[in-house]
Protein backbone atom coordinates (compact mmCIF):
# COMPACT_ATOMS: atom_id res chain seq x y z
CA UNK A 1 7.47 -17.00 2.24
CA UNK A 2 5.64 -15.21 -0.55
CA UNK A 3 2.27 -13.72 0.31
CA UNK A 4 -0.35 -15.13 -2.05
CA UNK A 5 -3.67 -13.39 -2.71
CA UNK A 6 -6.57 -15.13 -4.44
CA UNK A 7 -9.36 -12.95 -5.79
CA UNK A 8 -10.95 -15.50 -8.14
CA UNK A 9 -12.80 -18.52 -6.87
CA UNK A 10 -12.78 -18.33 -3.08
CA UNK A 11 -11.05 -15.19 -1.86
CA UNK A 12 -8.10 -15.99 0.37
CA UNK A 13 -4.73 -14.78 1.58
CA UNK A 14 -1.80 -17.08 2.33
CA UNK A 15 0.90 -15.56 4.50
CA UNK A 16 3.35 -18.22 5.59
CA UNK A 17 1.48 -20.61 7.86
CA UNK A 18 -1.50 -18.25 8.08
CA UNK A 19 -4.43 -18.88 5.77
CA UNK A 20 -7.11 -16.20 5.70
CA UNK A 21 -10.01 -18.03 4.11
CA UNK A 22 -13.12 -16.44 2.69
CA UNK A 23 -15.01 -17.22 5.90
CA UNK A 24 -12.44 -15.19 7.86
CA UNK A 25 -13.45 -11.91 6.22
CA UNK A 26 -16.01 -9.78 8.07
CA UNK A 27 -19.22 -10.71 6.23
CA UNK A 28 -20.12 -9.74 2.66
CA UNK A 29 -18.86 -6.18 2.92
CA UNK A 30 -15.54 -7.32 4.36
CA UNK A 31 -15.01 -9.67 1.42
CA UNK A 32 -15.97 -6.93 -1.01
CA UNK A 33 -13.77 -4.36 0.73
CA UNK A 34 -10.73 -6.61 0.50
CA UNK A 35 -11.42 -7.39 -3.16
CA UNK A 36 -11.64 -3.67 -3.96
CA UNK A 37 -8.42 -2.85 -2.12
CA UNK A 38 -6.55 -5.79 -3.69
CA UNK A 39 -7.81 -5.15 -7.23
CA UNK A 40 -6.97 -1.44 -6.94
CA UNK A 41 -3.83 -1.90 -4.87
CA UNK A 42 -1.68 0.23 -7.19
CA UNK A 43 -3.58 3.34 -6.16
CA UNK A 44 -5.08 4.94 -3.07
CA UNK A 45 -8.88 4.91 -2.88
CA UNK A 46 -10.65 7.87 -1.34
CA UNK A 47 -12.96 7.17 1.57
CA UNK A 48 -15.86 8.60 -0.42
CA UNK A 49 -15.24 6.29 -3.39
CA UNK A 50 -14.73 3.32 -1.08
CA UNK A 51 -18.00 3.97 0.76
CA UNK A 52 -19.85 4.48 -2.50
CA UNK A 53 -18.72 1.03 -3.68
CA UNK A 54 -19.44 -0.76 -0.41
CA UNK A 55 -22.94 0.69 0.01
CA UNK A 56 -23.98 0.70 -3.65
CA UNK A 57 -24.03 4.47 -3.90
CA UNK A 58 -26.15 4.94 -0.76
CA UNK A 59 -23.81 5.10 2.27
CA UNK A 60 -25.53 5.34 5.67
CA UNK A 61 -25.61 8.62 7.56
CA UNK A 62 -22.68 7.64 9.76
CA UNK A 63 -20.74 6.03 6.91
CA UNK A 64 -17.33 7.32 8.06
CA UNK A 65 -17.72 5.51 11.38
CA UNK A 66 -19.08 2.38 9.69
CA UNK A 67 -16.21 2.39 7.20
CA UNK A 68 -13.58 2.74 9.90
CA UNK A 69 -15.15 -0.15 11.82
CA UNK A 70 -15.22 -2.35 8.73
CA UNK A 71 -11.58 -1.61 7.87
CA UNK A 72 -10.59 -2.26 11.49
CA UNK A 73 -12.21 -5.72 11.34
CA UNK A 74 -10.56 -6.38 8.00
CA UNK A 75 -7.13 -5.43 9.34
CA UNK A 76 -7.62 -7.86 12.21
CA UNK A 77 -8.36 -10.66 9.73
CA UNK A 78 -5.25 -10.20 7.61
CA UNK A 79 -1.72 -11.35 8.28
CA UNK A 80 1.09 -9.02 9.21
CA UNK A 81 2.35 -8.83 5.62
CA UNK A 82 -0.92 -7.50 4.17
CA UNK A 83 -1.62 -4.10 5.65
CA UNK A 84 -4.23 -1.45 4.97
CA UNK A 85 -2.82 2.06 5.16
CA UNK A 86 -4.88 5.19 5.67
CA UNK A 87 -3.61 8.67 4.84
CA UNK A 88 -5.03 11.91 3.46
CA UNK A 89 -8.57 10.53 3.37
CA UNK A 90 -7.60 7.44 1.39
CA UNK A 91 -7.10 3.71 1.91
CA UNK A 92 -4.56 1.49 0.18
CA UNK A 93 -3.57 -2.15 0.51
CA UNK A 94 0.15 -2.71 0.93
CA UNK A 95 1.72 -6.06 0.09
CA UNK A 96 5.37 -7.17 -0.02
CA UNK A 97 7.12 -6.46 -3.33
CA UNK A 98 7.21 -10.17 -4.17
CA UNK A 99 3.53 -10.77 -3.40
CA UNK A 100 1.67 -13.14 -5.75
CA UNK A 101 -1.82 -11.95 -6.75
CA UNK A 102 -3.76 -14.32 -8.99
CA UNK A 103 -5.42 -11.71 -11.22
CA UNK A 104 -2.08 -9.98 -11.77
CA UNK A 105 -0.47 -13.30 -12.64
CA UNK A 106 -3.24 -13.92 -15.19
CA UNK A 107 -2.57 -10.51 -16.75
CA UNK A 108 1.17 -11.12 -16.96
CA UNK A 109 0.67 -14.63 -18.34
CA UNK A 110 -1.54 -13.52 -21.24
CA UNK A 111 1.07 -10.98 -22.31
CA UNK A 112 3.70 -13.74 -22.20
CA UNK A 113 1.40 -16.08 -24.16
CA UNK A 114 0.74 -13.55 -26.90
CA UNK A 115 4.43 -12.65 -27.13
CA UNK A 116 5.41 -16.33 -27.35
CA UNK A 117 2.90 -16.95 -30.13
CA UNK A 118 4.15 -13.93 -32.08
CA UNK A 119 7.65 -15.32 -31.60
CA UNK A 120 6.65 -18.65 -33.15
CA UNK A 121 6.85 -20.56 -29.86
CA UNK A 122 3.44 -22.30 -29.79
CA UNK A 123 4.26 -24.70 -26.94
CA UNK A 124 5.33 -21.83 -24.69
CA UNK A 125 2.29 -19.81 -25.77
CA UNK A 126 0.01 -22.70 -24.82
CA UNK A 127 1.59 -23.06 -21.39
CA UNK A 128 1.16 -19.37 -20.55
CA UNK A 129 -2.38 -19.34 -21.94
CA UNK A 130 -3.29 -22.25 -19.68
CA UNK A 131 -2.11 -20.25 -16.65
CA UNK A 132 -4.30 -17.31 -17.64
CA UNK A 133 -7.34 -19.42 -18.43
CA UNK A 134 -7.11 -21.40 -15.19
CA UNK A 135 -7.31 -18.17 -13.18
CA UNK A 136 -9.67 -16.10 -15.33
CA UNK A 137 -12.28 -18.84 -15.65
CA UNK A 138 -12.96 -18.83 -11.89
CA UNK A 139 -15.77 -16.58 -10.62
CA UNK A 140 -15.03 -13.18 -9.16
CA UNK A 141 -16.95 -12.50 -5.94
CA UNK A 142 -19.56 -15.11 -6.75
CA UNK A 143 -23.03 -14.07 -5.61
CA UNK A 144 -22.16 -10.42 -5.11
CA UNK A 145 -24.33 -8.05 -7.18
CA UNK A 146 -22.44 -4.85 -6.35
CA UNK A 147 -22.09 -2.82 -9.59
CA UNK A 148 -18.35 -2.35 -8.98
CA UNK A 149 -17.87 -6.09 -9.61
CA UNK A 150 -18.92 -5.71 -13.24
CA UNK A 151 -15.63 -4.14 -14.33
CA UNK A 152 -13.31 -6.82 -12.87
CA UNK A 153 -15.59 -9.55 -14.19
CA UNK A 154 -15.59 -8.05 -17.67
CA UNK A 155 -11.82 -7.64 -17.56
CA UNK A 156 -11.33 -11.29 -16.56
CA UNK A 157 -13.75 -12.41 -19.27
CA UNK A 158 -11.73 -10.51 -21.85
CA UNK A 159 -8.46 -11.91 -20.53
CA UNK A 160 -9.87 -15.43 -20.75
CA UNK A 161 -11.04 -14.80 -24.32
CA UNK A 162 -7.51 -13.77 -25.27
CA UNK A 163 -6.05 -16.84 -23.57
CA UNK A 164 -8.41 -19.24 -25.33
CA UNK A 165 -7.69 -17.61 -28.67
CA UNK A 166 -3.93 -17.84 -28.18
CA UNK A 167 -4.26 -21.49 -27.20
CA UNK A 168 -6.44 -22.15 -30.25
CA UNK A 169 -4.00 -20.48 -32.62
CA UNK A 170 -1.08 -22.28 -31.02
CA UNK A 171 -2.95 -25.56 -31.35
CA UNK A 172 -3.57 -24.87 -35.02
CA UNK A 173 0.14 -24.17 -35.51
CA UNK A 174 0.97 -27.51 -33.86
CA UNK A 175 -1.54 -29.42 -35.98
CA UNK A 176 -4.19 -29.82 -33.25
CA UNK A 177 -7.09 -28.84 -35.49
CA UNK A 178 -9.80 -30.26 -33.22
CA UNK A 179 -8.41 -28.41 -30.20
CA UNK A 180 -8.20 -25.19 -32.20
CA UNK A 181 -11.84 -25.49 -33.26
CA UNK A 182 -12.89 -26.26 -29.68
CA UNK A 183 -11.07 -23.20 -28.34
CA UNK A 184 -12.55 -21.02 -31.07
CA UNK A 185 -16.05 -22.20 -30.16
CA UNK A 186 -15.31 -21.48 -26.48
CA UNK A 187 -14.25 -17.94 -27.37
CA UNK A 188 -17.44 -17.41 -29.35
CA UNK A 189 -19.52 -18.54 -26.38
CA UNK A 190 -17.95 -15.66 -24.45
CA UNK A 191 -17.73 -13.13 -27.29
CA UNK A 192 -20.01 -14.02 -30.23
CA UNK A 193 -18.86 -11.06 -32.34
CA UNK A 194 -15.10 -11.68 -32.09
CA UNK A 195 -14.18 -12.03 -35.74
CA UNK A 196 -10.67 -13.29 -35.08
CA UNK A 197 -12.22 -16.30 -33.33
CA UNK A 198 -14.54 -16.89 -36.28
CA UNK A 199 -11.49 -16.77 -38.56
CA UNK A 200 -9.70 -19.26 -36.31
CA UNK A 201 -12.70 -21.59 -36.45
CA UNK A 202 -12.76 -21.38 -40.24
CA UNK A 203 -9.02 -22.15 -40.47
CA UNK A 204 -9.41 -25.08 -38.08
CA UNK A 205 -12.21 -26.57 -40.19
CA UNK A 206 -10.14 -26.18 -43.34
CA UNK A 207 -7.14 -27.81 -41.66
CA UNK A 208 -9.40 -30.73 -40.67
CA UNK A 209 -10.39 -31.11 -44.31
CA UNK A 210 -13.89 -29.67 -43.83
CA UNK A 211 -14.08 -26.50 -45.95
CA UNK A 212 -17.87 -26.80 -46.03
CA UNK A 213 -17.93 -26.31 -42.25
CA UNK A 214 -15.66 -23.31 -42.66
CA UNK A 215 -18.06 -21.76 -45.16
CA UNK A 216 -20.98 -22.45 -42.82
CA UNK A 217 -19.08 -20.74 -39.97
CA UNK A 218 -18.54 -17.70 -42.16
CA UNK A 219 -22.19 -17.58 -43.14
CA UNK A 220 -23.27 -17.70 -39.48
CA UNK A 221 -20.98 -14.77 -38.76
CA UNK A 222 -22.19 -12.80 -41.78
CA UNK A 223 -25.85 -13.24 -40.83
CA UNK A 224 -25.22 -12.45 -37.15
CA UNK A 225 -23.34 -9.23 -37.92
CA UNK A 226 -25.98 -8.13 -40.43
CA UNK A 227 -28.97 -8.88 -38.21
CA UNK A 228 -27.55 -7.77 -34.85
CA UNK A 229 -25.21 -4.93 -35.73
CA UNK A 230 -25.98 -3.97 -39.31
CA UNK A 231 -22.37 -4.54 -40.35
CA UNK A 232 -20.35 -6.93 -42.50
CA UNK A 233 -17.28 -9.07 -41.78
CA UNK A 234 -13.96 -7.25 -41.76
CA UNK A 235 -11.56 -7.43 -44.73
CA UNK A 236 -9.35 -9.79 -42.71
CA UNK A 237 -12.22 -12.24 -42.14
CA UNK A 238 -13.32 -11.84 -45.74
CA UNK A 239 -9.82 -12.81 -46.85
CA UNK A 240 -10.03 -16.08 -44.90
CA UNK A 241 -13.41 -16.75 -46.51
CA UNK A 242 -12.00 -16.13 -50.00
CA UNK A 243 -9.13 -18.51 -49.27
CA UNK A 244 -11.68 -21.21 -48.41
CA UNK A 245 -13.60 -20.53 -51.61
CA UNK A 246 -10.39 -20.82 -53.61
CA UNK A 247 -9.68 -24.20 -52.03
CA UNK A 248 -13.13 -25.49 -52.97
CA UNK A 249 -12.72 -24.15 -56.49
């Protein structure tokens, strides 16, 4: 059976009949250590970098011994198909070639979603975007304040933004104007300066027959960019705005 690794929500590993739940990992550091190895599984991580992550830049005096003990406990928790190799002062997680890792699936799905939308296949784009959003919306190492977690969390936030935007654009193409506006608003909650989402919101309002709402959305963007960043909307966003004006004229 395929080994399945979950890094979002509750961390877990499924290996046949074996389920390694989050409680099975050796305390907070064990959970973090596995997340680091799984997220970075395409490369070997030096012991120094690993220790720096696990102890927030302040490893204990005997950190080599502590790290070996932690990895030993982690190895004992995992199934036979998920192994931690050590060589040349580095650690690396090894999984079977057909292993399923949720964050990798989310990454692959958003590429498929964007390609499907570009290929004028909105239903397929929506399906792939839903896969990405379902994974990326779940928390990554909830409650852990280790600085290393910031990068995966930001990456998943960005992936979710892309998924919501694809779904919104696909919805607009299918005539689901309310859904498109809802997705655009969700994107803007996550990324208030994303102009493509503002443009999507404007188009959705126009498609609903509410050009006044589209103009109001543009004005909110214009003011926000001016006050927060000292910039103006891009030519692409300006073009959408001018289209709305032409409709009202």
